C-alpha cells in the first residue's frame, strides 16, 4: 500500500474514533521498535490503535505476532515516557473503503 493510501486510512480511522467519543492523544508515535498509528483515550483507558486497510483481503491478517510484539514494546515506551498509570489495550482499526471496524484488545 502506498503511503498516501495509508495516510488516508489513518485519517478515516482518526475521524471514526473521534466520532465514537475517543480523544486522540497522538498519531504516528515512533520508537526504535516501530510506529503506533494512533494513541487514543476513552473512559480513562488508553487505546494503542493499529490501522490496517484493504479491499481484496482481510486486513486483520496483516497484524502478525511480530507486529503485535513491536506495538506492545512501543506502547510501553509511551507509558514510560508519559509516566501514565492508565489501563490500556492494543486495538486494530480495520478500514475497508468507507467502512471502519474497531477490534478492541487484540492481544487476548
Protein backbone atom coordinates (compact mmCIF):
# COMPACT_ATOMS: atom_id res chain seq x y z
CA UNK A 1 0.00 0.00 0.00
CA UNK A 2 1.28 3.46 -0.78
CA UNK A 3 1.98 5.98 1.96
CA UNK A 4 -0.83 8.20 0.58
CA UNK A 5 -3.36 5.36 0.92
CA UNK A 6 -2.04 4.63 4.40
CA UNK A 7 -2.45 8.27 5.42
CA UNK A 8 -6.00 8.31 4.05
CA UNK A 9 -6.86 5.16 6.03
CA UNK A 10 -5.36 6.69 9.19
CA UNK A 11 -7.35 9.90 8.65
CA UNK A 12 -10.57 7.87 8.30
CA UNK A 13 -9.66 5.87 11.39
CA UNK A 14 -8.99 9.01 13.46
CA UNK A 15 -12.30 10.54 12.34
CA UNK A 16 -14.11 7.28 13.23
CA UNK A 17 -12.56 7.25 16.71
CA UNK A 18 -13.42 10.90 17.35
CA UNK A 19 -16.99 10.29 16.17
CA UNK A 20 -17.15 7.48 18.72
CA UNK A 21 -16.01 9.71 21.61
CA UNK A 22 -12.34 8.78 21.68
CA UNK A 23 -9.85 11.55 22.40
CA UNK A 24 -6.89 11.36 20.02
CA UNK A 25 -3.68 11.84 22.03
CA UNK A 26 -1.07 11.13 19.36
CA UNK A 27 -0.67 9.93 15.81
CA UNK A 28 2.32 8.19 14.30
CA UNK A 29 4.20 7.70 17.58
CA UNK A 30 7.64 6.43 16.56
CA UNK A 31 10.02 4.35 18.66
CA UNK A 32 13.03 2.20 17.81
CA UNK A 33 10.64 -0.76 17.63
CA UNK A 34 8.24 0.79 15.15
CA UNK A 35 5.24 3.07 14.97
CA UNK A 36 1.90 3.22 16.72
CA UNK A 37 -0.61 4.66 14.28
CA UNK A 38 -3.00 6.24 16.80
CA UNK A 39 -3.00 6.62 20.57
CA UNK A 40 -6.42 7.50 21.91
CA UNK A 41 -8.25 7.58 25.22
CA UNK A 42 -11.81 6.73 26.18
CA UNK A 43 -13.29 6.12 29.63
CA UNK A 44 -9.82 6.50 31.20
CA UNK A 45 -8.36 3.67 29.09
CA UNK A 46 -5.53 4.22 26.60
CA UNK A 47 -6.02 2.60 23.22
CA UNK A 48 -2.96 1.89 21.09
CA UNK A 49 -4.51 1.53 17.66
CA UNK A 50 -3.01 -0.22 14.65
CA UNK A 51 -4.77 0.86 11.45
CA UNK A 52 -4.98 -1.64 8.61
CA UNK A 53 -6.84 -1.25 5.34
CA UNK A 54 -7.55 -3.38 2.35
CA UNK A 55 -10.25 -4.29 -0.11
CA UNK A 56 -9.05 -7.56 -1.62
CA UNK A 57 -8.07 -9.27 1.65
CA UNK A 58 -8.96 -9.27 5.33
CA UNK A 59 -6.77 -6.51 6.84
CA UNK A 60 -6.65 -8.04 10.33
CA UNK A 61 -4.35 -10.75 8.98
CA UNK A 62 -1.70 -8.12 8.25
CA UNK A 63 -1.16 -7.81 12.02
CA UNK A 64 1.36 -10.54 12.71
CA UNK A 65 2.59 -11.74 16.11
CA UNK A 66 5.88 -9.90 15.43
CA UNK A 67 3.95 -6.69 14.67
CA UNK A 68 1.98 -7.09 17.91
CA UNK A 69 5.21 -7.54 19.83
CA UNK A 70 6.58 -4.29 18.35
CA UNK A 71 3.38 -2.40 19.14
CA UNK A 72 3.47 -3.62 22.73
CA UNK A 73 7.12 -2.58 23.15
CA UNK A 74 6.30 0.84 21.67
CA UNK A 75 3.27 1.15 23.97
CA UNK A 76 5.50 0.51 26.98
CA UNK A 77 7.84 3.27 25.81
CA UNK A 78 4.87 5.64 25.53
CA UNK A 79 3.67 4.68 29.02
CA UNK A 80 7.14 5.19 30.49
CA UNK A 81 7.69 8.46 28.64
CA UNK A 82 4.37 9.92 29.77
CA UNK A 83 4.53 8.20 33.19
CA UNK A 84 0.97 7.09 32.60
CA UNK A 85 -0.62 4.62 35.01
CA UNK A 86 -3.81 4.25 32.95
CA UNK A 87 -5.15 0.90 31.87
CA UNK A 88 -4.50 0.25 28.21
CA UNK A 89 -5.24 -2.11 25.36
CA UNK A 90 -3.99 -2.78 21.85
CA UNK A 91 -6.69 -2.37 19.20
CA UNK A 92 -6.97 -2.83 15.45
CA UNK A 93 -9.00 -0.44 13.36
CA UNK A 94 -9.85 -2.01 10.02
CA UNK A 95 -10.67 0.29 7.12
CA UNK A 96 -12.44 -1.19 4.11
CA UNK A 97 -13.36 1.63 1.75
CA UNK A 98 -15.60 3.94 3.79
CA UNK A 99 -16.35 1.34 6.46
CA UNK A 100 -14.35 1.29 9.70
CA UNK A 101 -14.42 -1.51 12.25
CA UNK A 102 -12.74 -1.30 15.64
CA UNK A 103 -11.49 -4.59 17.10
CA UNK A 104 -10.56 -3.92 20.71
CA UNK A 105 -7.96 -5.72 22.79
CA UNK A 106 -6.42 -7.87 20.06
CA UNK A 107 -3.71 -9.25 22.34
CA UNK A 108 -6.09 -11.62 24.14
